[in-house]
Amino acid sequence: MAEGEPDFGTAISCVGDIASDGRMVTGFAVVGEAIARRWSTPRGRLIAYPNYGFDLTQYVNADMSARDIASLRAAAAAEAEKEETVEKCSVSAELDTLTGILTLTAKVDTTEGPFTLVVAASDVTLDLLSITAGA
């Protein structure tokens, strides 16, 4: 862990699948990847944790109204706030109707400070685009 980096422990990088190179993550990446896993797991998929998950890919290519997008933003923020180190999360969402890509930007306040998380969901995958310290 780098000097001054928040201490959320160390984990194997795992968004979608375990990193083939066994890469480890620390700091805000631990929390950001945990949120991304929540946002890519359908609720009920984990038998031992029936209330875990909010699958963003189900919204890709959907005909969504402004009210639907507001509801999605609130649900994604609520799911992120289930992580024990997350104190508050606010989410903005943009659905590109040409590409079908849903991009979420989350401002996350943790017990160790804020960071910004950006993910993009297609109809088959969720990609973690960036995790940036500060908000």
Protein backbone atom coordinates (compact mmCIF):
# COMPACT_ATOMS: atom_id res chain seq x y z
CA MET A 1 0.00 0.00 0.00
CA ALA A 2 1.34 3.45 -0.95
CA GLU A 3 2.03 6.08 1.71
CA GLY A 4 -1.11 8.08 2.47
CA GLU A 5 -3.38 5.59 0.68
CA PRO A 6 -6.58 4.68 2.55
CA ASP A 7 -6.42 1.31 4.29
CA PHE A 8 -9.21 -0.95 3.04
CA GLY A 9 -6.92 -3.97 3.02
CA THR A 10 -5.66 -5.83 -0.03
CA ALA A 11 -7.66 -7.96 -2.46
CA ILE A 12 -7.17 -9.78 -5.73
CA SER A 13 -8.50 -7.60 -8.55
CA CYS A 14 -11.85 -9.04 -9.54
CA VAL A 15 -14.48 -7.28 -11.63
CA GLY A 16 -16.28 -9.78 -13.81
CA ASP A 17 -13.52 -12.35 -13.24
CA ILE A 18 -10.36 -12.74 -11.18
CA ALA A 19 -7.41 -10.96 -12.81
CA SER A 20 -5.46 -13.63 -14.68
CA ASP A 21 -2.18 -12.11 -13.52
CA GLY A 22 -3.24 -12.28 -9.86
CA ARG A 23 -2.96 -8.49 -9.59
CA MET A 24 -3.70 -7.15 -6.13
CA VAL A 25 -5.56 -3.92 -5.39
CA THR A 26 -5.46 -1.64 -2.37
CA GLY A 27 -6.98 1.65 -1.28
CA PHE A 28 -10.06 2.96 -3.02
CA ALA A 29 -9.73 0.24 -5.68
CA VAL A 30 -10.81 -2.37 -3.10
CA VAL A 31 -14.07 -0.49 -2.45
CA GLY A 32 -14.58 0.56 -6.10
CA GLU A 33 -14.25 -3.01 -7.33
CA ALA A 34 -16.63 -4.22 -4.59
CA ILE A 35 -19.24 -1.72 -5.80
CA ALA A 36 -18.68 -2.72 -9.44
CA ARG A 37 -19.24 -6.38 -8.48
CA ARG A 38 -22.51 -5.41 -6.79
CA TRP A 39 -23.56 -3.52 -9.93
CA SER A 40 -22.84 -6.52 -12.17
CA THR A 41 -24.50 -9.22 -10.06
CA PRO A 42 -28.21 -9.92 -10.49
CA ARG A 43 -30.07 -9.74 -7.16
CA GLY A 44 -30.55 -13.22 -5.77
CA ARG A 45 -27.66 -14.75 -7.76
CA LEU A 46 -25.65 -15.37 -4.57
CA ILE A 47 -27.65 -17.94 -2.63
CA ALA A 48 -26.16 -17.00 0.74
CA TYR A 49 -26.81 -13.28 0.10
CA PRO A 50 -30.25 -12.93 -1.52
CA ASN A 51 -30.29 -9.10 -1.22
CA TYR A 52 -26.86 -8.63 -2.82
CA GLY A 53 -26.60 -7.14 -6.28
CA PHE A 54 -28.11 -4.74 -8.77
CA ASP A 55 -27.43 -5.80 -12.36
CA LEU A 56 -26.93 -2.68 -14.48
CA THR A 57 -26.79 -4.67 -17.73
CA GLN A 58 -30.57 -5.21 -17.50
CA TYR A 59 -31.02 -1.49 -18.25
CA VAL A 60 -28.88 -1.38 -21.39
CA ASN A 61 -30.92 -0.81 -24.55
CA ALA A 62 -34.01 -0.26 -22.42
CA ASP A 63 -36.52 2.43 -23.29
CA MET A 64 -35.99 4.57 -20.19
CA SER A 65 -37.78 7.74 -19.18
CA ALA A 66 -36.21 10.43 -17.00
CA ARG A 67 -38.10 8.89 -14.07
CA ASP A 68 -36.64 5.45 -14.87
CA ILE A 69 -33.11 6.88 -14.93
CA ALA A 70 -33.68 8.67 -11.61
CA SER A 71 -34.90 5.39 -10.11
CA LEU A 72 -31.84 3.55 -11.48
CA ARG A 73 -29.52 6.18 -9.99
CA ALA A 74 -31.17 5.84 -6.57
CA ALA A 75 -31.09 2.03 -6.65
CA ALA A 76 -27.41 1.96 -7.71
CA ALA A 77 -26.49 4.39 -4.92
CA ALA A 78 -28.43 2.34 -2.35
CA GLU A 79 -26.63 -0.84 -3.46
CA ALA A 80 -23.23 0.87 -3.17
CA GLU A 81 -24.11 2.06 0.33
CA LYS A 82 -24.49 -1.58 1.42
CA GLU A 83 -20.68 -1.80 1.41
CA GLU A 84 -19.67 -1.34 5.04
CA THR A 85 -16.95 1.22 4.23
CA VAL A 86 -19.30 3.41 2.15
CA GLU A 87 -20.98 6.20 4.07
CA LYS A 88 -22.73 7.94 1.15
CA CYS A 89 -22.96 7.51 -2.59
CA SER A 90 -24.50 9.71 -5.26
CA VAL A 91 -24.80 8.45 -8.82
CA SER A 92 -25.29 10.09 -12.19
CA ALA A 93 -26.27 7.99 -15.18
CA GLU A 94 -26.15 8.47 -18.92
CA LEU A 95 -27.59 6.06 -21.48
CA ASP A 96 -26.13 6.45 -24.98
CA THR A 97 -29.02 5.46 -27.23
CA LEU A 98 -26.71 4.99 -30.25
CA THR A 99 -24.29 2.55 -28.62
CA GLY A 100 -26.57 1.20 -25.91
CA ILE A 101 -23.86 1.88 -23.31
CA LEU A 102 -24.99 2.90 -19.84
CA THR A 103 -22.34 4.96 -18.00
CA LEU A 104 -22.54 5.57 -14.26
CA THR A 105 -20.41 8.04 -12.35
CA ALA A 106 -20.52 7.60 -8.59
CA LYS A 107 -19.26 10.06 -6.01
CA VAL A 108 -18.47 7.81 -3.07
CA ASP A 109 -17.79 8.98 0.48
CA THR A 110 -16.04 6.32 2.55
CA THR A 111 -14.79 6.03 6.11
CA GLU A 112 -11.35 6.99 4.72
CA GLY A 113 -12.35 9.81 2.36
CA PRO A 114 -14.05 10.34 -1.03
CA PHE A 115 -13.43 8.89 -4.49
CA THR A 116 -15.12 8.85 -7.88
CA LEU A 117 -16.01 5.59 -9.64
CA VAL A 118 -16.93 5.39 -13.33
CA VAL A 119 -18.34 2.23 -14.92
CA ALA A 120 -19.85 1.44 -18.32
CA ALA A 121 -22.40 -1.32 -18.84
CA SER A 122 -23.17 -2.99 -22.15
CA ASP A 123 -25.75 -5.71 -22.67
CA VAL A 124 -23.17 -8.36 -21.70
CA THR A 125 -20.61 -6.79 -19.38
CA LEU A 126 -19.78 -4.08 -16.90
CA ASP A 127 -16.40 -2.36 -17.32
CA LEU A 128 -14.72 -0.39 -14.58
CA LEU A 129 -13.41 2.72 -16.35
CA SER A 130 -11.81 4.62 -13.49
CA ILE A 131 -11.38 5.06 -9.76
CA THR A 132 -10.09 8.49 -8.78
CA ALA A 133 -9.27 9.67 -5.25
CA GLY A 134 -11.11 12.80 -4.17
CA ALA A 135 -14.57 13.86 -5.20
